[in-house]
C-alpha atoms as a PDB file:
ATOM      1  CA  ILE A   1      21.426  -8.945  13.372  1.00  0.00           C
ATOM      2  CA  SER A   2      18.649  -6.411  13.134  1.00  0.00           C
ATOM      3  CA  VAL A   3      17.965  -3.540  10.808  1.00  0.00           C
ATOM      4  CA  ILE A   4      17.616  -0.219  12.565  1.00  0.00           C
ATOM      5  CA  ILE A   5      16.016   2.574  10.599  1.00  0.00           C
ATOM      6  CA  GLY A   6      17.155   6.082  11.417  1.00  0.00           C
ATOM      7  CA  ALA A   7      16.801   9.533   9.961  1.00  0.00           C
ATOM      8  CA  ILE A   8      19.595  12.028   9.578  1.00  0.00           C
ATOM      9  CA  SER A   9      18.684  15.639  10.130  1.00  0.00           C
ATOM     10  CA  ALA A  10      18.075  17.951   7.203  1.00  0.00           C
ATOM     11  CA  LEU A  11      21.524  19.526   7.517  1.00  0.00           C
ATOM     12  CA  SER A  12      23.324  16.180   7.511  1.00  0.00           C
ATOM     13  CA  CYS A  13      24.160  15.437   3.887  1.00  0.00           C
ATOM     14  CA  PRO A  14      25.149  12.213   2.099  1.00  0.00           C
ATOM     15  CA  SER A  15      28.866  11.503   2.081  1.00  0.00           C
ATOM     16  CA  ASN A  16      29.349  12.748  -1.477  1.00  0.00           C
ATOM     17  CA  TYR A  17      27.508  16.043  -0.788  1.00  0.00           C
ATOM     18  CA  LYS A  18      28.519  19.276   0.938  1.00  0.00           C
ATOM     19  CA  SER A  19      26.240  21.278   3.205  1.00  0.00           C
ATOM     20  CA  LEU A  20      26.166  24.785   1.709  1.00  0.00           C
ATOM     21  CA  TYR A  21      23.663  27.606   2.260  1.00  0.00           C
ATOM     22  CA  GLY A  22      21.052  25.299   3.781  1.00  0.00           C
ATOM     23  CA  ARG A  23      21.246  22.782   0.946  1.00  0.00           C
ATOM     24  CA  CYS A  24      23.090  19.561   0.235  1.00  0.00           C
ATOM     25  CA  ILE A  25      25.233  20.095  -2.883  1.00  0.00           C
ATOM     26  CA  ARG A  26      27.058  17.583  -5.061  1.00  0.00           C
ATOM     27  CA  ALA A  27      29.268  18.668  -7.951  1.00  0.00           C
ATOM     28  CA  LEU A  28      28.232  16.259 -10.695  1.00  0.00           C
ATOM     29  CA  TYR A  29      30.090  17.949 -13.587  1.00  0.00           C
ATOM     30  CA  LEU A  30      32.601  20.785 -13.186  1.00  0.00           C
ATOM     31  CA  GLU A  31      33.480  22.603 -16.414  1.00  0.00           C
ATOM     32  CA  GLN A  32      32.821  19.626 -18.667  1.00  0.00           C
ATOM     33  CA  GLN A  33      31.863  19.764 -22.328  1.00  0.00           C
ATOM     34  CA  PHE A  34      28.466  18.254 -23.080  1.00  0.00           C
ATOM     35  CA  SER A  35      25.151  19.104 -24.718  1.00  0.00           C
ATOM     36  CA  LEU A  36      21.913  19.457 -22.793  1.00  0.00           C
ATOM     37  CA  ALA A  37      20.049  17.434 -25.415  1.00  0.00           C
ATOM     38  CA  ALA A  38      22.305  14.409 -24.961  1.00  0.00           C
ATOM     39  CA  ASP A  39      23.328  14.567 -21.312  1.00  0.00           C
ATOM     40  CA  LEU A  40      20.694  16.443 -19.286  1.00  0.00           C
ATOM     41  CA  PRO A  41      18.426  13.371 -18.826  1.00  0.00           C
ATOM     42  CA  ARG A  42      21.388  11.387 -17.511  1.00  0.00           C
ATOM     43  CA  ALA A  43      22.309  14.172 -15.091  1.00  0.00           C
ATOM     44  CA  ARG A  44      18.733  14.363 -13.800  1.00  0.00           C
ATOM     45  CA  GLU A  45      18.644  10.604 -13.331  1.00  0.00           C
ATOM     46  CA  GLU A  46      21.913  10.670 -11.388  1.00  0.00           C
ATOM     47  CA  CYS A  47      20.666  13.424  -9.065  1.00  0.00           C
ATOM     48  CA  ALA A  48      17.312  11.686  -8.620  1.00  0.00           C
ATOM     49  CA  LYS A  49      19.046   8.594  -7.261  1.00  0.00           C
ATOM     50  CA  ASP A  50      19.845  10.699  -4.188  1.00  0.00           C
ATOM     51  CA  GLY A  51      16.395  12.299  -4.073  1.00  0.00           C
ATOM     52  CA  GLY A  52      17.849  15.474  -5.578  1.00  0.00           C
ATOM     53  CA  HIS A  53      17.448  17.757  -8.554  1.00  0.00           C
ATOM     54  CA  LEU A  54      19.404  20.373 -10.475  1.00  0.00           C
ATOM     55  CA  PRO A  55      19.417  23.983  -9.202  1.00  0.00           C
ATOM     56  CA  ILE A  56      16.045  25.733  -9.010  1.00  0.00           C
ATOM     57  CA  ILE A  57      16.536  29.485  -8.612  1.00  0.00           C
ATOM     58  CA  ARG A  58      13.434  31.319  -7.406  1.00  0.00           C
ATOM     59  CA  SER A  59      14.877  34.611  -6.178  1.00  0.00           C
ATOM     60  CA  TYR A  60      17.831  36.986  -6.261  1.00  0.00           C
ATOM     61  CA  GLU A  61      18.956  35.462  -2.957  1.00  0.00           C
ATOM     62  CA  ASP A  62      18.909  31.966  -4.491  1.00  0.00           C
ATOM     63  CA  ASP A  63      20.883  33.294  -7.449  1.00  0.00           C
ATOM     64  CA  GLU A  64      23.551  34.802  -5.213  1.00  0.00           C
ATOM     65  CA  ASN A  65      23.691  31.653  -3.094  1.00  0.00           C
ATOM     66  CA  PHE A  66      24.326  29.421  -6.094  1.00  0.00           C
ATOM     67  CA  ARG A  67      27.019  31.786  -7.354  1.00  0.00           C
ATOM     68  CA  SER A  68      28.681  31.559  -3.956  1.00  0.00           C
ATOM     69  CA  ILE A  69      28.227  27.778  -3.938  1.00  0.00           C
ATOM     70  CA  ALA A  70      29.902  27.478  -7.339  1.00  0.00           C
ATOM     71  CA  ASN A  71      32.881  29.470  -6.124  1.00  0.00           C
ATOM     72  CA  THR A  72      33.439  27.138  -3.158  1.00  0.00           C
ATOM     73  CA  PHE A  73      34.785  24.523  -5.580  1.00  0.00           C
ATOM     74  CA  PRO A  74      38.464  25.331  -6.231  1.00  0.00           C
ATOM     75  CA  GLU A  75      38.361  23.678  -9.667  1.00  0.00           C
ATOM     76  CA  ILE A  76      36.064  26.423 -10.983  1.00  0.00           C
ATOM     77  CA  SER A  77      36.322  29.238  -8.420  1.00  0.00           C
ATOM     78  CA  GLY A  78      36.681  32.603 -10.114  1.00  0.00           C
ATOM     79  CA  HIS A  79      36.029  31.164 -13.579  1.00  0.00           C
ATOM     80  CA  VAL A  80      33.186  32.048 -15.930  1.00  0.00           C
ATOM     81  CA  ILE A  81      30.845  29.299 -14.736  1.00  0.00           C
ATOM     82  CA  TRP A  82      27.898  28.186 -16.833  1.00  0.00           C
ATOM     83  CA  LEU A  83      25.544  26.534 -14.351  1.00  0.00           C
ATOM     84  CA  VAL A  84      22.766  24.276 -15.673  1.00  0.00           C
ATOM     85  CA  MET A  85      19.370  24.952 -14.078  1.00  0.00           C
ATOM     86  CA  ASP A  86      16.462  22.509 -13.807  1.00  0.00           C
ATOM     87  CA  LEU A  87      14.202  24.048 -16.446  1.00  0.00           C
ATOM     88  CA  VAL A  88      11.729  22.094 -18.567  1.00  0.00           C
ATOM     89  CA  CYS A  89       9.605  23.196 -21.507  1.00  0.00           C
ATOM     90  CA  ASN A  90       5.839  23.403 -20.964  1.00  0.00           C
ATOM     91  CA  GLY A  91       4.385  22.205 -24.260  1.00  0.00           C
ATOM     92  CA  GLY A  92       1.046  23.882 -23.563  1.00  0.00           C
ATOM     93  CA  THR A  93       2.306  27.390 -22.817  1.00  0.00           C
ATOM     94  CA  ARG A  94       5.485  26.959 -24.923  1.00  0.00           C
ATOM     95  CA  ARG A  95       7.383  28.573 -22.060  1.00  0.00           C
ATOM     96  CA  PHE A  96       9.859  27.304 -19.492  1.00  0.00           C
ATOM     97  CA  LYS A  97       8.885  26.164 -16.011  1.00  0.00           C
ATOM     98  CA  TRP A  98      10.840  24.562 -13.187  1.00  0.00           C
ATOM     99  CA  VAL A  99      11.104  20.794 -13.133  1.00  0.00           C
ATOM    100  CA  ASP A 100       8.792  20.612 -10.088  1.00  0.00           C
ATOM    101  CA  GLY A 101       6.008  22.224 -12.155  1.00  0.00           C
ATOM    102  CA  THR A 102       6.196  25.721 -10.652  1.00  0.00           C
ATOM    103  CA  ASP A 103       6.324  28.876 -12.766  1.00  0.00           C
ATOM    104  CA  LEU A 104       9.327  31.137 -13.193  1.00  0.00           C
ATOM    105  CA  THR A 105       8.603  34.174 -11.040  1.00  0.00           C
ATOM    106  CA  TYR A 106      12.270  35.199 -11.053  1.00  0.00           C
ATOM    107  CA  THR A 107      14.296  35.168 -14.254  1.00  0.00           C
ATOM    108  CA  GLY A 108      17.608  36.603 -13.143  1.00  0.00           C
ATOM    109  CA  PRO A 109      19.575  39.341 -14.901  1.00  0.00           C
ATOM    110  CA  ASN A 110      19.364  38.645 -18.640  1.00  0.00           C
ATOM    111  CA  ASN A 111      19.521  40.344 -22.014  1.00  0.00           C
ATOM    112  CA  PHE A 112      16.462  38.696 -23.566  1.00  0.00           C
ATOM    113  CA  ASP A 113      12.706  38.604 -22.973  1.00  0.00           C
ATOM    114  CA  PHE A 114      11.501  35.352 -21.406  1.00  0.00           C
ATOM    115  CA  ASP A 115       7.987  36.057 -22.693  1.00  0.00           C
ATOM    116  CA  ASP A 116       9.314  35.912 -26.259  1.00  0.00           C
ATOM    117  CA  LEU A 117      11.304  32.699 -25.728  1.00  0.00           C
ATOM    118  CA  ASP A 118       9.342  29.870 -27.379  1.00  0.00           C
ATOM    119  CA  CYS A 119      10.927  26.677 -26.044  1.00  0.00           C
ATOM    120  CA  VAL A 120       8.912  24.456 -28.405  1.00  0.00           C
ATOM    121  CA  SER A 121       9.857  26.007 -31.740  1.00  0.00           C
ATOM    122  CA  LYS A 122      13.513  26.542 -30.797  1.00  0.00           C
ATOM    123  CA  ASP A 123      15.878  24.012 -29.231  1.00  0.00           C
ATOM    124  CA  LEU A 124      16.964  26.503 -26.589  1.00  0.00           C
ATOM    125  CA  SER A 125      17.446  26.409 -22.851  1.00  0.00           C
ATOM    126  CA  VAL A 126      18.739  28.905 -20.293  1.00  0.00           C
ATOM    127  CA  ILE A 127      21.809  28.631 -18.063  1.00  0.00           C
ATOM    128  CA  ASP A 128      23.138  30.822 -15.273  1.00  0.00           C
ATOM    129  CA  GLN A 129      26.470  32.490 -16.016  1.00  0.00           C
ATOM    130  CA  THR A 130      27.668  33.017 -12.460  1.00  0.00           C
ATOM    131  CA  ASN A 131      30.650  35.339 -13.035  1.00  0.00           C
ATOM    132  CA  TYR A 132      31.845  38.074 -15.418  1.00  0.00           C
ATOM    133  CA  PRO A 133      29.116  39.216 -15.931  1.00  0.00           C
ATOM    134  CA  LYS A 134      26.458  37.632 -13.773  1.00  0.00           C
ATOM    135  CA  LYS A 135      23.465  36.900 -15.992  1.00  0.00           C
ATOM    136  CA  TRP A 136      21.231  34.193 -17.414  1.00  0.00           C
ATOM    137  CA  ARG A 137      22.055  33.215 -20.980  1.00  0.00           C
ATOM    138  CA  GLN A 138      20.270  31.400 -23.774  1.00  0.00           C
ATOM    139  CA  VAL A 139      22.035  28.297 -25.049  1.00  0.00           C
ATOM    140  CA  TRP A 140      21.225  25.828 -27.819  1.00  0.00           C
ATOM    141  CA  THR A 141      20.456  22.399 -26.372  1.00  0.00           C
ATOM    142  CA  THR A 142      22.792  20.848 -28.965  1.00  0.00           C
ATOM    143  CA  ASP A 143      25.670  23.175 -28.076  1.00  0.00           C
ATOM    144  CA  ASN A 144      28.619  21.111 -26.836  1.00  0.00           C
ATOM    145  CA  SER A 145      29.975  23.869 -24.609  1.00  0.00           C
ATOM    146  CA  THR A 146      31.581  23.772 -21.160  1.00  0.00           C
ATOM    147  CA  LYS A 147      29.029  23.659 -18.337  1.00  0.00           C
ATOM    148  CA  SER A 148      28.764  22.715 -14.668  1.00  0.00           C
ATOM    149  CA  VAL A 149      26.035  20.634 -13.040  1.00  0.00           C
ATOM    150  CA  PHE A 150      25.157  20.445  -9.345  1.00  0.00           C
ATOM    151  CA  CYS A 151      22.803  17.997  -7.658  1.00  0.00           C
ATOM    152  CA  VAL A 152      20.746  19.703  -4.941  1.00  0.00           C
ATOM    153  CA  ILE A 153      18.880  18.172  -2.007  1.00  0.00           C
ATOM    154  CA  ASP A 154      16.734  20.715  -0.188  1.00  0.00           C
ATOM    155  CA  ASP A 155      15.611  18.582   2.764  1.00  0.00           C
ATOM    156  CA  TYR A 156      17.514  15.382   3.341  1.00  0.00           C
ATOM    157  CA  ALA A 157      16.803  12.241   5.322  1.00  0.00           C
ATOM    158  CA  VAL A 158      18.350   8.856   4.637  1.00  0.00           C
ATOM    159  CA  VAL A 159      18.095   5.261   5.744  1.00  0.00           C
ATOM    160  CA  THR A 160      21.042   3.904   7.694  1.00  0.00           C
ATOM    161  CA  VAL A 161      21.674   0.240   8.409  1.00  0.00           C
ATOM    162  CA  LYS A 162      23.529  -0.715  11.585  1.00  0.00           C
ATOM    163  CA  PRO A 163      24.268  -4.151  13.059  1.00  0.00           C
ATOM    164  CA  SER A 164      22.754  -4.930  16.433  1.00  0.00           C
ATOM    165  CA  ILE A 165      23.227  -8.142  18.375  1.00  0.00           C
ATOM    166  CA  ALA A 166      20.736  -7.720  21.183  1.00  0.00           C
ATOM    167  CA  SER A 167      17.658  -6.140  19.632  1.00  0.00           C
ATOM    168  CA  PRO A 168      15.126  -7.646  17.218  1.00  0.00           C
ATOM    169  CA  THR A 169      14.213  -6.127  13.856  1.00  0.00           C
ATOM    170  CA  LEU A 170      12.530  -2.790  14.413  1.00  0.00           C
ATOM    171  CA  ILE A 171       9.821  -1.247  12.275  1.00  0.00           C
ATOM    172  CA  PRO A 172       8.653   2.336  12.985  1.00  0.00           C
ATOM    173  CA  THR A 173       5.410   2.341  14.942  1.00  0.00           C
ATOM    174  CA  THR A 174       4.022   5.382  13.112  1.00  0.00           C
ATOM    175  CA  THR A 175       3.023   3.513   9.946  1.00  0.00           C
ATOM    176  CA  ALA A 176      -0.398   4.418   8.599  1.00  0.00           C
ATOM    177  CA  ALA A 177      -0.849   0.836   7.382  1.00  0.00           C
ATOM    178  CA  THR A 178       0.347  -2.092   9.474  1.00  0.00           C
ATOM    179  CA  VAL A 179       1.239  -5.690   8.820  1.00  0.00           C
ATOM    180  CA  THR A 180      -0.883  -8.235  10.673  1.00  0.00           C
ATOM    181  CA  THR A 181       0.255 -11.775  11.349  1.00  0.00           C
ATOM    182  CA  LYS A 182      -1.670 -14.347   9.342  1.00  0.00           C
ATOM    183  CA  ASN A 183      -3.960 -16.790  11.096  1.00  0.00           C
ATOM    184  CA  PRO A 184      -5.773 -19.854   9.731  1.00  0.00           C
ATOM    185  CA  SER A 185      -8.922 -17.848   8.962  1.00  0.00           C
ATOM    186  CA  GLU A 186      -7.020 -15.644   6.513  1.00  0.00           C
ATOM    187  CA  GLU A 187      -7.078 -18.263   3.805  1.00  0.00           C
ATOM    188  CA  LYS A 188      -7.064 -15.809   0.933  1.00  0.00           C
ATOM    189  CA  CYS A 189      -3.488 -14.689   1.621  1.00  0.00           C
ATOM    190  CA  GLY A 190      -1.837 -18.103   1.825  1.00  0.00           C
ATOM    191  CA  ASP A 191       1.904 -17.453   2.132  1.00  0.00           C
ATOM    192  CA  TYR A 192       1.277 -13.727   1.547  1.00  0.00           C
ATOM    193  CA  THR A 193       0.685 -11.220   4.375  1.00  0.00           C
ATOM    194  CA  LEU A 194      -2.532  -9.285   4.900  1.00  0.00           C
ATOM    195  CA  MET A 195      -2.194  -5.500   4.668  1.00  0.00           C
ATOM    196  CA  ASP A 196      -4.603  -4.188   7.277  1.00  0.00           C
ATOM    197  CA  ASN A 197      -5.863  -0.657   8.027  1.00  0.00           C
ATOM    198  CA  THR A 198      -5.574   0.433   4.411  1.00  0.00           C
ATOM    199  CA  ALA A 199      -8.051   2.666   2.608  1.00  0.00           C
ATOM    200  CA  ASP A 200      -8.743  -0.110   0.081  1.00  0.00           C
ATOM    201  CA  ASN A 201     -12.231  -1.581   0.366  1.00  0.00           C
ATOM    202  CA  PHE A 202     -10.730  -5.031  -0.146  1.00  0.00           C
ATOM    203  CA  LYS A 203      -7.744  -5.738   2.057  1.00  0.00           C
ATOM    204  CA  PRO A 204      -4.852  -6.687  -0.228  1.00  0.00           C
ATOM    205  CA  CYS A 205      -2.196  -9.283   0.454  1.00  0.00           C
ATOM    206  CA  PHE A 206       1.477  -8.766  -0.297  1.00  0.00           C
ATOM    207  CA  LYS A 207       4.745 -10.662  -0.376  1.00  0.00           C
ATOM    208  CA  VAL A 208       8.334  -9.394  -0.431  1.00  0.00           C
ATOM    209  CA  PHE A 209      10.839 -10.943  -2.838  1.00  0.00           C
ATOM    210  CA  THR A 210      14.408  -9.984  -1.985  1.00  0.00           C
ATOM    211  CA  ASN A 211      15.931 -11.766  -4.980  1.00  0.00           C
ATOM    212  CA  SER A 212      16.590  -9.375  -7.875  1.00  0.00           C
ATOM    213  CA  LEU A 213      14.822  -9.857 -11.216  1.00  0.00           C
ATOM    214  CA  HIS A 214      14.196  -7.647 -14.235  1.00  0.00           C
ATOM    215  CA  TRP A 215      10.821  -5.867 -14.159  1.00  0.00           C
ATOM    216  CA  GLU A 216       9.180  -8.145 -16.728  1.00  0.00           C
ATOM    217  CA  LEU A 217      10.324 -11.312 -14.929  1.00  0.00           C
ATOM    218  CA  ALA A 218       9.258  -9.887 -11.568  1.00  0.00           C
ATOM    219  CA  GLN A 219       5.783  -9.174 -12.954  1.00  0.00           C
ATOM    220  CA  GLN A 220       5.600 -12.721 -14.328  1.00  0.00           C
ATOM    221  CA  LYS A 221       6.478 -14.035 -10.866  1.00  0.00           C
ATOM    222  CA  CYS A 222       3.685 -11.970  -9.306  1.00  0.00           C
ATOM    223  CA  ALA A 223       1.210 -13.037 -12.000  1.00  0.00           C
ATOM    224  CA  ALA A 224       2.001 -16.694 -11.271  1.00  0.00           C
ATOM    225  CA  ASP A 225       0.747 -15.971  -7.728  1.00  0.00           C
ATOM    226  CA  PHE A 226      -2.404 -14.326  -9.171  1.00  0.00           C
ATOM    227  CA  GLY A 227      -1.090 -10.867  -8.302  1.00  0.00           C
ATOM    228  CA  SER A 228       0.970  -8.076  -9.796  1.00  0.00           C
ATOM    229  CA  LEU A 229       3.862  -5.822  -8.928  1.00  0.00           C
ATOM    230  CA  VAL A 230       2.748  -3.534  -6.146  1.00  0.00           C
ATOM    231  CA  THR A 231       0.153  -0.832  -6.821  1.00  0.00           C
ATOM    232  CA  ILE A 232       0.424   2.255  -4.585  1.00  0.00           C
ATOM    233  CA  ASN A 233      -2.735   4.313  -4.076  1.00  0.00           C
ATOM    234  CA  SER A 234      -1.724   6.898  -1.469  1.00  0.00           C
ATOM    235  CA  ALA A 235       1.157   8.520   0.377  1.00  0.00           C
ATOM    236  CA  GLU A 236       0.388   6.280   3.358  1.00  0.00           C
ATOM    237  CA  GLU A 237       0.690   3.152   1.223  1.00  0.00           C
ATOM    238  CA  ASN A 238       3.874   4.481  -0.361  1.00  0.00           C
ATOM    239  CA  LYS A 239       5.418   4.960   3.085  1.00  0.00           C
ATOM    240  CA  PHE A 240       4.166   1.548   4.190  1.00  0.00           C
ATOM    241  CA  PHE A 241       5.752  -0.293   1.276  1.00  0.00           C
ATOM    242  CA  TRP A 242       8.955   1.729   1.686  1.00  0.00           C
ATOM    243  CA  ARG A 243       9.171   0.681   5.341  1.00  0.00           C
ATOM    244  CA  THR A 244       8.368  -2.909   4.404  1.00  0.00           C
ATOM    245  CA  ALA A 245      11.185  -2.885   1.847  1.00  0.00           C
ATOM    246  CA  VAL A 246      13.696  -1.341   4.240  1.00  0.00           C
ATOM    247  CA  SER A 247      12.823  -3.795   7.009  1.00  0.00           C
ATOM    248  CA  SER A 248      13.629  -6.547   4.476  1.00  0.00           C
ATOM    249  CA  ASN A 249      17.027  -4.915   3.820  1.00  0.00           C
ATOM    250  CA  ILE A 250      15.978  -3.670   0.365  1.00  0.00           C
ATOM    251  CA  LEU A 251      17.998  -0.457   0.357  1.00  0.00           C
ATOM    252  CA  GLU A 252      18.949   0.104  -3.278  1.00  0.00           C
ATOM    253  CA  GLY A 253      15.549   0.309  -4.946  1.00  0.00           C
ATOM    254  CA  MET A 254      12.704  -2.028  -5.846  1.00  0.00           C
ATOM    255  CA  HIS A 255      10.336  -2.502  -8.767  1.00  0.00           C
ATOM    256  CA  ILE A 256       6.777  -1.166  -8.547  1.00  0.00           C
ATOM    257  CA  GLY A 257       3.856  -1.808 -10.873  1.00  0.00           C
ATOM    258  CA  ALA A 258       3.676   1.492 -12.761  1.00  0.00           C
ATOM    259  CA  HIS A 259       4.350   1.190 -16.501  1.00  0.00           C
ATOM    260  CA  GLN A 260       4.031   3.218 -19.682  1.00  0.00           C
ATOM    261  CA  LEU A 261       1.003   2.517 -21.869  1.00  0.00           C
ATOM    262  CA  THR A 262       1.935   1.094 -25.271  1.00  0.00           C
ATOM    263  CA  GLU A 263      -1.030   2.705 -27.021  1.00  0.00           C
ATOM    264  CA  ASP A 264      -0.296   6.149 -25.535  1.00  0.00           C
ATOM    265  CA  PRO A 265       3.354   6.632 -24.425  1.00  0.00           C
ATOM    266  CA  SER A 266       2.449   9.912 -22.726  1.00  0.00           C
ATOM    267  CA  LYS A 267       0.386   8.034 -20.125  1.00  0.00           C
ATOM    268  CA  TRP A 268       1.267   5.675 -17.286  1.00  0.00           C
ATOM    269  CA  ALA A 269      -0.875   3.114 -15.470  1.00  0.00           C
ATOM    270  CA  TRP A 270      -0.670   0.427 -12.808  1.00  0.00           C
ATOM    271  CA  ILE A 271      -0.186  -3.052 -14.229  1.00  0.00           C
ATOM    272  CA  GLU A 272      -2.944  -4.269 -11.880  1.00  0.00           C
ATOM    273  CA  GLY A 273      -6.157  -3.449 -13.728  1.00  0.00           C
ATOM    274  CA  GLU A 274      -4.419  -0.865 -15.932  1.00  0.00           C
ATOM    275  CA  VAL A 275      -5.560   1.900 -13.552  1.00  0.00           C
ATOM    276  CA  PRO A 276      -4.299   5.216 -14.994  1.00  0.00           C
ATOM    277  CA  ILE A 277      -1.793   7.339 -13.098  1.00  0.00           C
ATOM    278  CA  ASP A 278      -2.991  10.880 -13.728  1.00  0.00           C
ATOM    279  CA  ASP A 279      -3.835  14.077 -11.881  1.00  0.00           C
ATOM    280  CA  GLY A 280      -6.688  12.321 -10.104  1.00  0.00           C
ATOM    281  CA  ASN A 281      -4.605   9.464  -8.705  1.00  0.00           C
ATOM    282  CA  TYR A 282      -1.613   9.285  -6.393  1.00  0.00           C
ATOM    283  CA  ALA A 283       1.883   9.395  -7.911  1.00  0.00           C
ATOM    284  CA  ASN A 284       5.312  10.009  -6.412  1.00  0.00           C
ATOM    285  CA  PHE A 285       7.589  10.357  -9.441  1.00  0.00           C
ATOM    286  CA  ILE A 286      10.494  12.622  -8.573  1.00  0.00           C
ATOM    287  CA  GLY A 287      11.108  15.887 -10.435  1.00  0.00           C
ATOM    288  CA  SER A 288      10.818  15.493 -14.194  1.00  0.00           C
ATOM    289  CA  PHE A 289      10.324  11.714 -14.052  1.00  0.00           C
ATOM    290  CA  PRO A 290       9.106   9.735 -15.875  1.00  0.00           C
ATOM    291  CA  ILE A 291      11.686  10.899 -18.432  1.00  0.00           C
ATOM    292  CA  PRO A 292      10.773   9.973 -22.037  1.00  0.00           C
ATOM    293  CA  GLY A 293      13.151   7.415 -23.489  1.00  0.00           C
ATOM    294  CA  LEU A 294      14.626   6.351 -20.148  1.00  0.00           C
ATOM    295  CA  GLY A 295      12.413   3.292 -19.762  1.00  0.00           C
ATOM    296  CA  ASN A 296       8.821   2.053 -19.791  1.00  0.00           C
ATOM    297  CA  CYS A 297       8.775   0.542 -16.284  1.00  0.00           C
ATOM    298  CA  SER A 298       9.284   1.939 -12.789  1.00  0.00           C
ATOM    299  CA  ALA A 299      11.084   1.600  -9.475  1.00  0.00           C
ATOM    300  CA  MET A 300      10.905   3.102  -5.983  1.00  0.00           C
ATOM    301  CA  MET A 301      14.134   4.540  -4.586  1.00  0.00           C
ATOM    302  CA  THR A 302      14.290   2.967  -1.131  1.00  0.00           C
ATOM    303  CA  ASP A 303      17.499   4.630   0.101  1.00  0.00           C
ATOM    304  CA  SER A 304      15.649   7.824   1.059  1.00  0.00           C
ATOM    305  CA  THR A 305      12.596   8.408   3.236  1.00  0.00           C
ATOM    306  CA  TYR A 306      11.012  10.310   0.341  1.00  0.00           C
ATOM    307  CA  ALA A 307      10.512   6.916  -1.403  1.00  0.00           C
ATOM    308  CA  THR A 308      10.255   8.619  -4.781  1.00  0.00           C
ATOM    309  CA  TRP A 309       9.797   6.845  -8.112  1.00  0.00           C
ATOM    310  CA  ILE A 310      11.762   6.833 -11.347  1.00  0.00           C
ATOM    311  CA  ASN A 311      11.227   5.127 -14.674  1.00  0.00           C
ATOM    312  CA  GLU A 312      13.584   2.347 -15.725  1.00  0.00           C
ATOM    313  CA  ASP A 313      14.271  -0.042 -18.570  1.00  0.00           C
ATOM    314  CA  CYS A 314      11.964  -3.052 -18.242  1.00  0.00           C
ATOM    315  CA  ASP A 315      14.539  -5.720 -19.052  1.00  0.00           C
ATOM    316  CA  GLN A 316      17.858  -4.157 -18.011  1.00  0.00           C
ATOM    317  CA  THR A 317      17.593  -3.328 -14.298  1.00  0.00           C
ATOM    318  CA  ALA A 318      17.367  -6.218 -11.819  1.00  0.00           C
ATOM    319  CA  LEU A 319      15.853  -5.268  -8.441  1.00  0.00           C
ATOM    320  CA  PRO A 320      13.932  -6.845  -5.551  1.00  0.00           C
ATOM    321  CA  PHE A 321      10.162  -6.381  -5.619  1.00  0.00           C
ATOM    322  CA  ILE A 322       6.873  -6.710  -3.765  1.00  0.00           C
ATOM    323  CA  CYS A 323       3.867  -8.539  -5.207  1.00  0.00           C
ATOM    324  CA  ARG A 324       0.344  -7.511  -4.276  1.00  0.00           C
ATOM    325  CA  ARG A 325      -2.973  -9.241  -4.813  1.00  0.00           C
ATOM    326  CA  ILE A 326      -6.565  -8.730  -3.735  1.00  0.00           C
END
């Protein structure tokens, strides 16, 4: 039985999503009571599992579209809907920005001045009241009021697995880095596989482990082989290791070697050589991840071609993994 990797077009949404106004929409919470302080990280994590995020509203057209989207759900249609948007507080400017790092160039109809809203000194956020009247409202993050949360995927592609009797395992031929079959002269890899055509000066070796372990135990396994959980230095390598995982039937996530630094929790590094993950190095964390308090270790989401990363608890989540060594 082979694994066939396919992509679904951007308008084809996951089964628990609806295609609305050029987006894939999932109703995560409809008119439920919760506080942003307690439940927003969990909502973001849930959306991120699908490669999605909460609503980002950049224009009047976006605003109207999300109001129309909200009213397509009969449970809340015509109600006063408080829609949670994906805003985060920029500690440097003390002002809100979107979770993807972009500035707010549109702030909707509102009865307050965004320039005077200090998100650091006050535990406030902003939600979109979609009906009666239509406006953006300030809300305390600890307020346990009724709100609605949508997961949004702007451009969707997903891995599908289908049985095939006649054909061998297929791997896309467009990979930037390719796997080469070992030969006796490649003594350094042993039972690992040489990763050729990579930008690394020293060709690394890697090995896939399909058995699930917690992050710490997986790293110990790699270290016993004189390696570490996989380091990813570029978008090409990220795609390569995603394809490698999928071809090994790893479709529900895998550990990677990024971890939070103990001495400075605001910084992340690769476990191999403690190479920092900062503005000068490649990273593919989705949206607002890594989310403080969610976990000190990391995983790649392999069920989407985006192959984005999230942070995870080091000793709670068991996943397959790839070891890498020089």
